[in-house]
Amino acid sequence: MKLSFFLQVLDLSGASLPPIWHEALAERVSSEQRAQAVTRAELDRQPWVTIEELARRLAQFGTNVSVRTLASHIEAGSLSLSMFMQCITALGSTSLERYVDCEDLRSAAVTERLAASAS
């Protein structure tokens, strides 16, 4: 499932959105542009975290994605929901706490990292 679809579902259901996403979702633009804006809003919270650093953090979870691929998906607004969840977990964001238990996301990331290091 793409992040853009998840955002459409939230919009159509009238769900309460994380405050950091309000500005990103205020404009009526394409679904991909909205996904891009939400991802950028999350990244902008920590401007010192570059795409390279984010890819490094994802690798610590066992998610190996190239910097180029990650940047391409962010800029195109084509991130999968699972990759977006991994990214915001790597950023320490709690934006999805209304929908997902953030502690479960952290636990899944640690479990994945341990499994990757055991291989």
PDB file of N, CA and C in Angstrom:
ATOM      1  N   MET A   1       0.852  -1.162   0.000  1.00  0.00           N
ATOM      2  CA  MET A   1       0.000   0.000   0.000  1.00  0.00           C
ATOM      3  C   MET A   1       0.904   1.234   0.000  1.00  0.00           C
ATOM      4  N   LYS A   2       0.535   2.188  -0.780  1.00  0.00           N
ATOM      5  CA  LYS A   2       1.297   3.439  -0.866  1.00  0.00           C
ATOM      6  C   LYS A   2       0.868   4.409   0.237  1.00  0.00           C
ATOM      7  N   LEU A   3       1.788   5.244   0.658  1.00  0.00           N
ATOM      8  CA  LEU A   3       1.494   6.303   1.615  1.00  0.00           C
ATOM      9  C   LEU A   3       0.388   7.193   1.069  1.00  0.00           C
ATOM     10  N   SER A   4       0.415   7.476  -0.225  1.00  0.00           N
ATOM     11  CA  SER A   4      -0.585   8.354  -0.826  1.00  0.00           C
ATOM     12  C   SER A   4      -1.996   7.793  -0.628  1.00  0.00           C
ATOM     13  N   PHE A   5      -2.161   6.480  -0.736  1.00  0.00           N
ATOM     14  CA  PHE A   5      -3.472   5.868  -0.524  1.00  0.00           C
ATOM     15  C   PHE A   5      -3.902   5.997   0.934  1.00  0.00           C
ATOM     16  N   PHE A   6      -2.995   5.759   1.843  1.00  0.00           N
ATOM     17  CA  PHE A   6      -3.275   5.900   3.281  1.00  0.00           C
ATOM     18  C   PHE A   6      -3.751   7.322   3.587  1.00  0.00           C
ATOM     19  N   LEU A   7      -3.099   8.306   3.006  1.00  0.00           N
ATOM     20  CA  LEU A   7      -3.503   9.700   3.227  1.00  0.00           C
ATOM     21  C   LEU A   7      -4.893   9.973   2.660  1.00  0.00           C
ATOM     22  N   GLN A   8      -5.213   9.350   1.525  1.00  0.00           N
ATOM     23  CA  GLN A   8      -6.563   9.492   0.960  1.00  0.00           C
ATOM     24  C   GLN A   8      -7.605   8.899   1.901  1.00  0.00           C
ATOM     25  N   VAL A   9      -7.306   7.748   2.469  1.00  0.00           N
ATOM     26  CA  VAL A   9      -8.228   7.102   3.404  1.00  0.00           C
ATOM     27  C   VAL A   9      -8.444   7.989   4.622  1.00  0.00           C
ATOM     28  N   LEU A  10      -7.372   8.558   5.154  1.00  0.00           N
ATOM     29  CA  LEU A  10      -7.503   9.451   6.301  1.00  0.00           C
ATOM     30  C   LEU A  10      -8.374  10.653   5.958  1.00  0.00           C
ATOM     31  N   ASP A  11      -8.149  11.203   4.775  1.00  0.00           N
ATOM     32  CA  ASP A  11      -8.915  12.366   4.339  1.00  0.00           C
ATOM     33  C   ASP A  11     -10.395  12.025   4.190  1.00  0.00           C
ATOM     34  N   LEU A  12     -10.685  10.951   3.501  1.00  0.00           N
ATOM     35  CA  LEU A  12     -12.076  10.560   3.259  1.00  0.00           C
ATOM     36  C   LEU A  12     -12.812  10.164   4.527  1.00  0.00           C
ATOM     37  N   SER A  13     -12.093   9.624   5.490  1.00  0.00           N
ATOM     38  CA  SER A  13     -12.723   9.197   6.736  1.00  0.00           C
ATOM     39  C   SER A  13     -12.884  10.339   7.730  1.00  0.00           C
ATOM     40  N   GLY A  14     -12.270  11.487   7.418  1.00  0.00           N
ATOM     41  CA  GLY A  14     -12.350  12.623   8.335  1.00  0.00           C
ATOM     42  C   GLY A  14     -11.525  12.428   9.597  1.00  0.00           C
ATOM     43  N   ALA A  15     -10.527  11.573   9.511  1.00  0.00           N
ATOM     44  CA  ALA A  15      -9.682  11.275  10.670  1.00  0.00           C
ATOM     45  C   ALA A  15      -8.931  12.519  11.134  1.00  0.00           C
ATOM     46  N   SER A  16      -8.673  12.556  12.415  1.00  0.00           N
ATOM     47  CA  SER A  16      -7.866  13.619  12.987  1.00  0.00           C
ATOM     48  C   SER A  16      -6.410  13.401  12.566  1.00  0.00           C
ATOM     49  N   LEU A  17      -5.818  14.434  12.007  1.00  0.00           N
ATOM     50  CA  LEU A  17      -4.458  14.324  11.460  1.00  0.00           C
ATOM     51  C   LEU A  17      -3.426  14.849  12.441  1.00  0.00           C
ATOM     52  N   PRO A  18      -2.226  14.322  12.368  1.00  0.00           N
ATOM     53  CA  PRO A  18      -1.144  14.874  13.187  1.00  0.00           C
ATOM     54  C   PRO A  18      -0.937  16.348  12.822  1.00  0.00           C
ATOM     55  N   PRO A  19      -0.760  17.216  13.798  1.00  0.00           N
ATOM     56  CA  PRO A  19      -0.594  18.651  13.513  1.00  0.00           C
ATOM     57  C   PRO A  19       0.504  18.959  12.510  1.00  0.00           C
ATOM     58  N   ILE A  20       1.591  18.198  12.542  1.00  0.00           N
ATOM     59  CA  ILE A  20       2.699  18.457  11.624  1.00  0.00           C
ATOM     60  C   ILE A  20       2.294  18.239  10.167  1.00  0.00           C
ATOM     61  N   TRP A  21       1.236  17.491   9.919  1.00  0.00           N
ATOM     62  CA  TRP A  21       0.787  17.203   8.566  1.00  0.00           C
ATOM     63  C   TRP A  21      -0.231  18.211   8.048  1.00  0.00           C
ATOM     64  N   HIS A  22      -0.788  19.043   8.920  1.00  0.00           N
ATOM     65  CA  HIS A  22      -1.872  19.948   8.516  1.00  0.00           C
ATOM     66  C   HIS A  22      -1.501  20.809   7.315  1.00  0.00           C
ATOM     67  N   GLU A  23      -0.392  21.492   7.400  1.00  0.00           N
ATOM     68  CA  GLU A  23       0.013  22.369   6.295  1.00  0.00           C
ATOM     69  C   GLU A  23       0.286  21.555   5.037  1.00  0.00           C
ATOM     70  N   ALA A  24       0.927  20.417   5.210  1.00  0.00           N
ATOM     71  CA  ALA A  24       1.268  19.573   4.062  1.00  0.00           C
ATOM     72  C   ALA A  24       0.019  19.066   3.334  1.00  0.00           C
ATOM     73  N   LEU A  25      -1.059  18.874   4.066  1.00  0.00           N
ATOM     74  CA  LEU A  25      -2.272  18.319   3.474  1.00  0.00           C
ATOM     75  C   LEU A  25      -3.342  19.366   3.193  1.00  0.00           C
ATOM     76  N   ALA A  26      -3.050  20.615   3.477  1.00  0.00           N
ATOM     77  CA  ALA A  26      -4.047  21.671   3.309  1.00  0.00           C
ATOM     78  C   ALA A  26      -4.389  21.934   1.847  1.00  0.00           C
ATOM     79  N   GLU A  27      -3.414  21.849   0.987  1.00  0.00           N
ATOM     80  CA  GLU A  27      -3.647  22.136  -0.431  1.00  0.00           C
ATOM     81  C   GLU A  27      -4.264  20.938  -1.132  1.00  0.00           C
ATOM     82  N   ARG A  28      -5.103  21.227  -2.101  1.00  0.00           N
ATOM     83  CA  ARG A  28      -5.696  20.164  -2.922  1.00  0.00           C
ATOM     84  C   ARG A  28      -4.797  19.942  -4.127  1.00  0.00           C
ATOM     85  N   VAL A  29      -3.874  19.038  -3.951  1.00  0.00           N
ATOM     86  CA  VAL A  29      -2.937  18.664  -5.019  1.00  0.00           C
ATOM     87  C   VAL A  29      -3.045  17.153  -5.205  1.00  0.00           C
ATOM     88  N   SER A  30      -2.234  16.594  -6.059  1.00  0.00           N
ATOM     89  CA  SER A  30      -2.290  15.155  -6.307  1.00  0.00           C
ATOM     90  C   SER A  30      -1.945  14.358  -5.041  1.00  0.00           C
ATOM     91  N   SER A  31      -2.360  13.118  -5.026  1.00  0.00           N
ATOM     92  CA  SER A  31      -2.072  12.236  -3.895  1.00  0.00           C
ATOM     93  C   SER A  31      -0.571  12.089  -3.674  1.00  0.00           C
ATOM     94  N   GLU A  32       0.165  12.014  -4.775  1.00  0.00           N
ATOM     95  CA  GLU A  32       1.614  11.870  -4.673  1.00  0.00           C
ATOM     96  C   GLU A  32       2.251  13.127  -4.082  1.00  0.00           C
ATOM     97  N   GLN A  33       1.753  14.301  -4.474  1.00  0.00           N
ATOM     98  CA  GLN A  33       2.283  15.550  -3.938  1.00  0.00           C
ATOM     99  C   GLN A  33       1.982  15.668  -2.445  1.00  0.00           C
ATOM    100  N   ARG A  34       0.836  15.166  -2.032  1.00  0.00           N
ATOM    101  CA  ARG A  34       0.493  15.181  -0.612  1.00  0.00           C
ATOM    102  C   ARG A  34       1.416  14.239   0.160  1.00  0.00           C
ATOM    103  N   ALA A  35       1.683  13.060  -0.405  1.00  0.00           N
ATOM    104  CA  ALA A  35       2.595  12.107   0.235  1.00  0.00           C
ATOM    105  C   ALA A  35       3.994  12.707   0.341  1.00  0.00           C
ATOM    106  N   GLN A  36       4.416  13.373  -0.717  1.00  0.00           N
ATOM    107  CA  GLN A  36       5.718  14.039  -0.702  1.00  0.00           C
ATOM    108  C   GLN A  36       5.754  15.112   0.382  1.00  0.00           C
ATOM    109  N   ALA A  37       4.705  15.910   0.487  1.00  0.00           N
ATOM    110  CA  ALA A  37       4.663  16.997   1.460  1.00  0.00           C
ATOM    111  C   ALA A  37       4.669  16.473   2.896  1.00  0.00           C
ATOM    112  N   VAL A  38       3.954  15.387   3.146  1.00  0.00           N
ATOM    113  CA  VAL A  38       3.939  14.793   4.491  1.00  0.00           C
ATOM    114  C   VAL A  38       5.326  14.256   4.841  1.00  0.00           C
ATOM    115  N   THR A  39       5.950  13.573   3.898  1.00  0.00           N
ATOM    116  CA  THR A  39       7.292  13.042   4.145  1.00  0.00           C
ATOM    117  C   THR A  39       8.279  14.175   4.383  1.00  0.00           C
ATOM    118  N   ARG A  40       8.195  15.224   3.588  1.00  0.00           N
ATOM    119  CA  ARG A  40       9.067  16.394   3.773  1.00  0.00           C
ATOM    120  C   ARG A  40       8.834  17.036   5.139  1.00  0.00           C
ATOM    121  N   ALA A  41       7.576  17.133   5.557  1.00  0.00           N
ATOM    122  CA  ALA A  41       7.264  17.714   6.874  1.00  0.00           C
ATOM    123  C   ALA A  41       7.940  16.909   7.981  1.00  0.00           C
ATOM    124  N   GLU A  42       7.924  15.597   7.843  1.00  0.00           N
ATOM    125  CA  GLU A  42       8.588  14.745   8.840  1.00  0.00           C
ATOM    126  C   GLU A  42      10.101  14.951   8.801  1.00  0.00           C
ATOM    127  N   LEU A  43      10.670  15.006   7.606  1.00  0.00           N
ATOM    128  CA  LEU A  43      12.119  15.213   7.476  1.00  0.00           C
ATOM    129  C   LEU A  43      12.538  16.600   7.972  1.00  0.00           C
ATOM    130  N   ASP A  44      11.707  17.600   7.728  1.00  0.00           N
ATOM    131  CA  ASP A  44      12.041  18.968   8.120  1.00  0.00           C
ATOM    132  C   ASP A  44      12.084  19.156   9.631  1.00  0.00           C
ATOM    133  N   ARG A  45      11.479  18.242  10.371  1.00  0.00           N
ATOM    134  CA  ARG A  45      11.540  18.329  11.838  1.00  0.00           C
ATOM    135  C   ARG A  45      12.978  18.140  12.327  1.00  0.00           C
ATOM    136  N   GLN A  46      13.765  17.444  11.547  1.00  0.00           N
ATOM    137  CA  GLN A  46      15.164  17.185  11.898  1.00  0.00           C
ATOM    138  C   GLN A  46      16.034  17.493  10.687  1.00  0.00           C
ATOM    139  N   PRO A  47      16.259  18.771  10.409  1.00  0.00           N
ATOM    140  CA  PRO A  47      16.989  19.149   9.192  1.00  0.00           C
ATOM    141  C   PRO A  47      18.425  18.624   9.131  1.00  0.00           C
ATOM    142  N   TRP A  48      18.962  18.199  10.228  1.00  0.00           N
ATOM    143  CA  TRP A  48      20.324  17.656  10.248  1.00  0.00           C
ATOM    144  C   TRP A  48      20.353  16.207   9.760  1.00  0.00           C
ATOM    145  N   VAL A  49      19.184  15.572   9.623  1.00  0.00           N
ATOM    146  CA  VAL A  49      19.128  14.209   9.115  1.00  0.00           C
ATOM    147  C   VAL A  49      18.982  14.269   7.593  1.00  0.00           C
ATOM    148  N   THR A  50      20.052  13.954   6.910  1.00  0.00           N
ATOM    149  CA  THR A  50      20.061  13.946   5.447  1.00  0.00           C
ATOM    150  C   THR A  50      19.449  12.639   4.946  1.00  0.00           C
ATOM    151  N   ILE A  51      19.210  12.575   3.659  1.00  0.00           N
ATOM    152  CA  ILE A  51      18.720  11.336   3.059  1.00  0.00           C
ATOM    153  C   ILE A  51      19.752  10.227   3.270  1.00  0.00           C
ATOM    154  N   GLU A  52      21.035  10.580   3.184  1.00  0.00           N
ATOM    155  CA  GLU A  52      22.098   9.599   3.423  1.00  0.00           C
ATOM    156  C   GLU A  52      22.014   9.051   4.847  1.00  0.00           C
ATOM    157  N   GLU A  53      21.809   9.936   5.805  1.00  0.00           N
ATOM    158  CA  GLU A  53      21.693   9.515   7.208  1.00  0.00           C
ATOM    159  C   GLU A  53      20.446   8.671   7.411  1.00  0.00           C
ATOM    160  N   LEU A  54      19.355   9.060   6.790  1.00  0.00           N
ATOM    161  CA  LEU A  54      18.123   8.288   6.911  1.00  0.00           C
ATOM    162  C   LEU A  54      18.311   6.885   6.342  1.00  0.00           C
ATOM    163  N   ALA A  55      18.958   6.773   5.195  1.00  0.00           N
ATOM    164  CA  ALA A  55      19.230   5.462   4.597  1.00  0.00           C
ATOM    165  C   ALA A  55      20.119   4.626   5.523  1.00  0.00           C
ATOM    166  N   ARG A  56      21.085   5.277   6.170  1.00  0.00           N
ATOM    167  CA  ARG A  56      21.955   4.569   7.125  1.00  0.00           C
ATOM    168  C   ARG A  56      21.140   4.048   8.301  1.00  0.00           C
ATOM    169  N   ARG A  57      20.231   4.881   8.815  1.00  0.00           N
ATOM    170  CA  ARG A  57      19.385   4.455   9.926  1.00  0.00           C
ATOM    171  C   ARG A  57      18.470   3.306   9.518  1.00  0.00           C
ATOM    172  N   LEU A  58      17.944   3.375   8.320  1.00  0.00           N
ATOM    173  CA  LEU A  58      17.090   2.286   7.830  1.00  0.00           C
ATOM    174  C   LEU A  58      17.886   0.993   7.722  1.00  0.00           C
ATOM    175  N   ALA A  59      19.136   1.093   7.291  1.00  0.00           N
ATOM    176  CA  ALA A  59      19.991  -0.092   7.190  1.00  0.00           C
ATOM    177  C   ALA A  59      20.197  -0.736   8.556  1.00  0.00           C
ATOM    178  N   GLN A  60      20.220   0.078   9.607  1.00  0.00           N
ATOM    179  CA  GLN A  60      20.347  -0.467  10.963  1.00  0.00           C
ATOM    180  C   GLN A  60      19.126  -1.299  11.336  1.00  0.00           C
ATOM    181  N   PHE A  61      17.983  -1.013  10.710  1.00  0.00           N
ATOM    182  CA  PHE A  61      16.766  -1.804  10.924  1.00  0.00           C
ATOM    183  C   PHE A  61      16.753  -3.048  10.049  1.00  0.00           C
ATOM    184  N   GLY A  62      17.723  -3.160   9.154  1.00  0.00           N
ATOM    185  CA  GLY A  62      17.738  -4.275   8.223  1.00  0.00           C
ATOM    186  C   GLY A  62      17.077  -3.944   6.894  1.00  0.00           C
ATOM    187  N   THR A  63      16.739  -2.675   6.692  1.00  0.00           N
ATOM    188  CA  THR A  63      16.125  -2.235   5.440  1.00  0.00           C
ATOM    189  C   THR A  63      17.199  -1.582   4.592  1.00  0.00           C
ATOM    190  N   ASN A  64      17.678  -2.303   3.626  1.00  0.00           N
ATOM    191  CA  ASN A  64      18.731  -1.782   2.769  1.00  0.00           C
ATOM    192  C   ASN A  64      18.107  -1.151   1.539  1.00  0.00           C
ATOM    193  N   VAL A  65      18.165   0.164   1.497  1.00  0.00           N
ATOM    194  CA  VAL A  65      17.648   0.926   0.366  1.00  0.00           C
ATOM    195  C   VAL A  65      18.732   1.932  -0.002  1.00  0.00           C
ATOM    196  N   SER A  66      18.977   2.078  -1.274  1.00  0.00           N
ATOM    197  CA  SER A  66      20.018   3.017  -1.692  1.00  0.00           C
ATOM    198  C   SER A  66      19.536   4.447  -1.461  1.00  0.00           C
ATOM    199  N   VAL A  67      20.480   5.328  -1.276  1.00  0.00           N
ATOM    200  CA  VAL A  67      20.171   6.747  -1.097  1.00  0.00           C
ATOM    201  C   VAL A  67      19.405   7.251  -2.312  1.00  0.00           C
ATOM    202  N   ARG A  68      19.853   6.844  -3.471  1.00  0.00           N
ATOM    203  CA  ARG A  68      19.213   7.292  -4.716  1.00  0.00           C
ATOM    204  C   ARG A  68      17.751   6.835  -4.796  1.00  0.00           C
ATOM    205  N   THR A  69      17.504   5.575  -4.468  1.00  0.00           N
ATOM    206  CA  THR A  69      16.138   5.041  -4.505  1.00  0.00           C
ATOM    207  C   THR A  69      15.261   5.727  -3.473  1.00  0.00           C
ATOM    208  N   LEU A  70      15.783   5.893  -2.260  1.00  0.00           N
ATOM    209  CA  LEU A  70      15.025   6.550  -1.203  1.00  0.00           C
ATOM    210  C   LEU A  70      14.668   7.980  -1.597  1.00  0.00           C
ATOM    211  N   ALA A  71      15.655   8.723  -2.078  1.00  0.00           N
ATOM    212  CA  ALA A  71      15.416  10.109  -2.502  1.00  0.00           C
ATOM    213  C   ALA A  71      14.398  10.166  -3.639  1.00  0.00           C
ATOM    214  N   SER A  72      14.505   9.235  -4.566  1.00  0.00           N
ATOM    215  CA  SER A  72      13.587   9.196  -5.700  1.00  0.00           C
ATOM    216  C   SER A  72      12.150   8.972  -5.245  1.00  0.00           C
ATOM    217  N   HIS A  73      11.944   8.032  -4.333  1.00  0.00           N
ATOM    218  CA  HIS A  73      10.596   7.742  -3.839  1.00  0.00           C
ATOM    219  C   HIS A  73      10.037   8.912  -3.022  1.00  0.00           C
ATOM    220  N   ILE A  74      10.882   9.560  -2.253  1.00  0.00           N
ATOM    221  CA  ILE A  74      10.423  10.717  -1.476  1.00  0.00           C
ATOM    222  C   ILE A  74      10.007  11.836  -2.414  1.00  0.00           C
ATOM    223  N   GLU A  75      10.851  12.140  -3.388  1.00  0.00           N
ATOM    224  CA  GLU A  75      10.560  13.241  -4.315  1.00  0.00           C
ATOM    225  C   GLU A  75       9.360  12.956  -5.209  1.00  0.00           C
ATOM    226  N   ALA A  76       9.134  11.696  -5.539  1.00  0.00           N
ATOM    227  CA  ALA A  76       7.998  11.332  -6.391  1.00  0.00           C
ATOM    228  C   ALA A  76       6.711  11.144  -5.595  1.00  0.00           C
ATOM    229  N   GLY A  77       6.842  11.105  -4.256  1.00  0.00           N
ATOM    230  CA  GLY A  77       5.666  10.855  -3.428  1.00  0.00           C
ATOM    231  C   GLY A  77       5.168   9.430  -3.573  1.00  0.00           C
ATOM    232  N   SER A  78       6.102   8.513  -3.846  1.00  0.00           N
ATOM    233  CA  SER A  78       5.724   7.128  -4.114  1.00  0.00           C
ATOM    234  C   SER A  78       6.187   6.141  -3.038  1.00  0.00           C
ATOM    235  N   LEU A  79       6.471   6.650  -1.844  1.00  0.00           N
ATOM    236  CA  LEU A  79       6.862   5.756  -0.759  1.00  0.00           C
ATOM    237  C   LEU A  79       5.726   4.806  -0.420  1.00  0.00           C
ATOM    238  N   SER A  80       6.086   3.575  -0.119  1.00  0.00           N
ATOM    239  CA  SER A  80       5.080   2.649   0.400  1.00  0.00           C
ATOM    240  C   SER A  80       4.787   3.069   1.844  1.00  0.00           C
ATOM    241  N   LEU A  81       3.633   2.674   2.329  1.00  0.00           N
ATOM    242  CA  LEU A  81       3.282   3.004   3.709  1.00  0.00           C
ATOM    243  C   LEU A  81       4.275   2.359   4.669  1.00  0.00           C
ATOM    244  N   SER A  82       4.679   1.129   4.386  1.00  0.00           N
ATOM    245  CA  SER A  82       5.631   0.461   5.286  1.00  0.00           C
ATOM    246  C   SER A  82       6.980   1.179   5.309  1.00  0.00           C
ATOM    247  N   MET A  83       7.452   1.654   4.156  1.00  0.00           N
ATOM    248  CA  MET A  83       8.722   2.390   4.132  1.00  0.00           C
ATOM    249  C   MET A  83       8.579   3.721   4.863  1.00  0.00           C
ATOM    250  N   PHE A  84       7.444   4.394   4.680  1.00  0.00           N
ATOM    251  CA  PHE A  84       7.198   5.644   5.397  1.00  0.00           C
ATOM    252  C   PHE A  84       7.222   5.394   6.905  1.00  0.00           C
ATOM    253  N   MET A  85       6.583   4.317   7.349  1.00  0.00           N
ATOM    254  CA  MET A  85       6.567   3.999   8.779  1.00  0.00           C
ATOM    255  C   MET A  85       7.984   3.731   9.289  1.00  0.00           C
ATOM    256  N   GLN A  86       8.769   3.056   8.485  1.00  0.00           N
ATOM    257  CA  GLN A  86      10.152   2.806   8.878  1.00  0.00           C
ATOM    258  C   GLN A  86      10.931   4.117   8.954  1.00  0.00           C
ATOM    259  N   CYS A  87      10.693   4.990   7.977  1.00  0.00           N
ATOM    260  CA  CYS A  87      11.397   6.279   7.960  1.00  0.00           C
ATOM    261  C   CYS A  87      11.060   7.114   9.185  1.00  0.00           C
ATOM    262  N   ILE A  88       9.773   7.218   9.509  1.00  0.00           N
ATOM    263  CA  ILE A  88       9.441   8.079  10.651  1.00  0.00           C
ATOM    264  C   ILE A  88       9.869   7.438  11.967  1.00  0.00           C
ATOM    265  N   THR A  89       9.936   6.108  11.995  1.00  0.00           N
ATOM    266  CA  THR A  89      10.490   5.447  13.180  1.00  0.00           C
ATOM    267  C   THR A  89      11.968   5.782  13.305  1.00  0.00           C
ATOM    268  N   ALA A  90      12.681   5.745  12.188  1.00  0.00           N
ATOM    269  CA  ALA A  90      14.109   6.095  12.189  1.00  0.00           C
ATOM    270  C   ALA A  90      14.327   7.556  12.576  1.00  0.00           C
ATOM    271  N   LEU A  91      13.339   8.395  12.302  1.00  0.00           N
ATOM    272  CA  LEU A  91      13.422   9.816  12.662  1.00  0.00           C
ATOM    273  C   LEU A  91      12.950  10.081  14.087  1.00  0.00           C
ATOM    274  N   GLY A  92      12.403   9.075  14.733  1.00  0.00           N
ATOM    275  CA  GLY A  92      11.905   9.247  16.099  1.00  0.00           C
ATOM    276  C   GLY A  92      10.585   9.992  16.176  1.00  0.00           C
ATOM    277  N   SER A  93       9.855  10.016  15.074  1.00  0.00           N
ATOM    278  CA  SER A  93       8.567  10.716  15.032  1.00  0.00           C
ATOM    279  C   SER A  93       7.476   9.882  15.694  1.00  0.00           C
ATOM    280  N   THR A  94       6.534  10.567  16.298  1.00  0.00           N
ATOM    281  CA  THR A  94       5.369   9.896  16.881  1.00  0.00           C
ATOM    282  C   THR A  94       4.088  10.307  16.156  1.00  0.00           C
ATOM    283  N   SER A  95       4.217  10.780  14.941  1.00  0.00           N
ATOM    284  CA  SER A  95       3.063  11.272  14.189  1.00  0.00           C
ATOM    285  C   SER A  95       1.978  10.226  13.980  1.00  0.00           C
ATOM    286  N   LEU A  96       2.345   8.984  13.893  1.00  0.00           N
ATOM    287  CA  LEU A  96       1.354   7.940  13.637  1.00  0.00           C
ATOM    288  C   LEU A  96       0.776   7.337  14.906  1.00  0.00           C
ATOM    289  N   GLU A  97       1.072   7.917  16.061  1.00  0.00           N
ATOM    290  CA  GLU A  97       0.626   7.304  17.313  1.00  0.00           C
ATOM    291  C   GLU A  97      -0.895   7.218  17.418  1.00  0.00           C
ATOM    292  N   ARG A  98      -1.622   8.010  16.654  1.00  0.00           N
ATOM    293  CA  ARG A  98      -3.090   7.918  16.653  1.00  0.00           C
ATOM    294  C   ARG A  98      -3.576   6.662  15.946  1.00  0.00           C
ATOM    295  N   TYR A  99      -2.742   6.095  15.103  1.00  0.00           N
ATOM    296  CA  TYR A  99      -3.146   4.983  14.259  1.00  0.00           C
ATOM    297  C   TYR A  99      -2.386   3.703  14.562  1.00  0.00           C
ATOM    298  N   VAL A 100      -1.165   3.830  15.045  1.00  0.00           N
ATOM    299  CA  VAL A 100      -0.293   2.684  15.283  1.00  0.00           C
ATOM    300  C   VAL A 100       0.439   2.922  16.597  1.00  0.00           C
ATOM    301  N   ASP A 101       0.617   1.867  17.353  1.00  0.00           N
ATOM    302  CA  ASP A 101       1.378   1.969  18.589  1.00  0.00           C
ATOM    303  C   ASP A 101       2.855   2.161  18.227  1.00  0.00           C
ATOM    304  N   CYS A 102       3.394   3.342  18.518  1.00  0.00           N
ATOM    305  CA  CYS A 102       4.787   3.658  18.146  1.00  0.00           C
ATOM    306  C   CYS A 102       5.781   2.717  18.809  1.00  0.00           C
ATOM    307  N   GLU A 103       5.445   2.224  19.989  1.00  0.00           N
ATOM    308  CA  GLU A 103       6.334   1.268  20.639  1.00  0.00           C
ATOM    309  C   GLU A 103       6.394  -0.036  19.842  1.00  0.00           C
ATOM    310  N   ASP A 104       5.280  -0.424  19.227  1.00  0.00           N
ATOM    311  CA  ASP A 104       5.280  -1.605  18.361  1.00  0.00           C
ATOM    312  C   ASP A 104       6.188  -1.391  17.157  1.00  0.00           C
ATOM    313  N   LEU A 105       6.168  -0.170  16.582  1.00  0.00           N
ATOM    314  CA  LEU A 105       7.046   0.135  15.453  1.00  0.00           C
ATOM    315  C   LEU A 105       8.512   0.028  15.869  1.00  0.00           C
ATOM    316  N   ARG A 106       8.838   0.581  17.031  1.00  0.00           N
ATOM    317  CA  ARG A 106      10.224   0.514  17.513  1.00  0.00           C
ATOM    318  C   ARG A 106      10.639  -0.937  17.767  1.00  0.00           C
ATOM    319  N   SER A 107       9.742  -1.710  18.378  1.00  0.00           N
ATOM    320  CA  SER A 107      10.043  -3.118  18.648  1.00  0.00           C
ATOM    321  C   SER A 107      10.264  -3.898  17.353  1.00  0.00           C
ATOM    322  N   ALA A 108       9.431  -3.628  16.357  1.00  0.00           N
ATOM    323  CA  ALA A 108       9.593  -4.300  15.063  1.00  0.00           C
ATOM    324  C   ALA A 108      10.928  -3.940  14.433  1.00  0.00           C
ATOM    325  N   ALA A 109      11.329  -2.679  14.564  1.00  0.00           N
ATOM    326  CA  ALA A 109      12.608  -2.247  13.997  1.00  0.00           C
ATOM    327  C   ALA A 109      13.768  -2.939  14.696  1.00  0.00           C
ATOM    328  N   VAL A 110      13.705  -3.058  16.015  1.00  0.00           N
ATOM    329  CA  VAL A 110      14.773  -3.714  16.771  1.00  0.00           C
ATOM    330  C   VAL A 110      14.820  -5.199  16.417  1.00  0.00           C
ATOM    331  N   THR A 111      13.671  -5.828  16.333  1.00  0.00           N
ATOM    332  CA  THR A 111      13.610  -7.245  15.978  1.00  0.00           C
ATOM    333  C   THR A 111      14.211  -7.475  14.599  1.00  0.00           C
ATOM    334  N   GLU A 112      13.855  -6.615  13.657  1.00  0.00           N
ATOM    335  CA  GLU A 112      14.389  -6.726  12.292  1.00  0.00           C
ATOM    336  C   GLU A 112      15.903  -6.540  12.289  1.00  0.00           C
ATOM    337  N   ARG A 113      16.390  -5.567  13.087  1.00  0.00           N
ATOM    338  CA  ARG A 113      17.833  -5.319  13.157  1.00  0.00           C
ATOM    339  C   ARG A 113      18.549  -6.533  13.726  1.00  0.00           C
ATOM    340  N   LEU A 114      17.998  -7.133  14.786  1.00  0.00           N
ATOM    341  CA  LEU A 114      18.625  -8.304  15.378  1.00  0.00           C
ATOM    342  C   LEU A 114      18.626  -9.483  14.410  1.00  0.00           C
ATOM    343  N   ALA A 115      17.549  -9.661  13.681  1.00  0.00           N
ATOM    344  CA  ALA A 115      17.476 -10.736  12.702  1.00  0.00           C
ATOM    345  C   ALA A 115      18.492 -10.528  11.586  1.00  0.00           C
ATOM    346  N   ALA A 116      18.642  -9.271  11.156  1.00  0.00           N
ATOM    347  CA  ALA A 116      19.592  -8.958  10.087  1.00  0.00           C
ATOM    348  C   ALA A 116      21.026  -9.206  10.553  1.00  0.00           C
ATOM    349  N   SER A 117      21.332  -8.866  11.802  1.00  0.00           N
ATOM    350  CA  SER A 117      22.704  -9.023  12.291  1.00  0.00           C
ATOM    351  C   SER A 117      23.025 -10.489  12.551  1.00  0.00           C
ATOM    352  N   ALA A 118      22.013 -11.329  12.790  1.00  0.00           N
ATOM    353  CA  ALA A 118      22.233 -12.748  13.024  1.00  0.00           C
ATOM    354  C   ALA A 118      22.476 -13.498  11.714  1.00  0.00           C
ATOM    355  N   SER A 119      22.048 -12.906  10.591  1.00  0.00           N
ATOM    356  CA  SER A 119      22.209 -13.583   9.296  1.00  0.00           C
ATOM    357  C   SER A 119      23.626 -13.558   8.810  1.00  0.00           C
TER     358      SER A 119
END
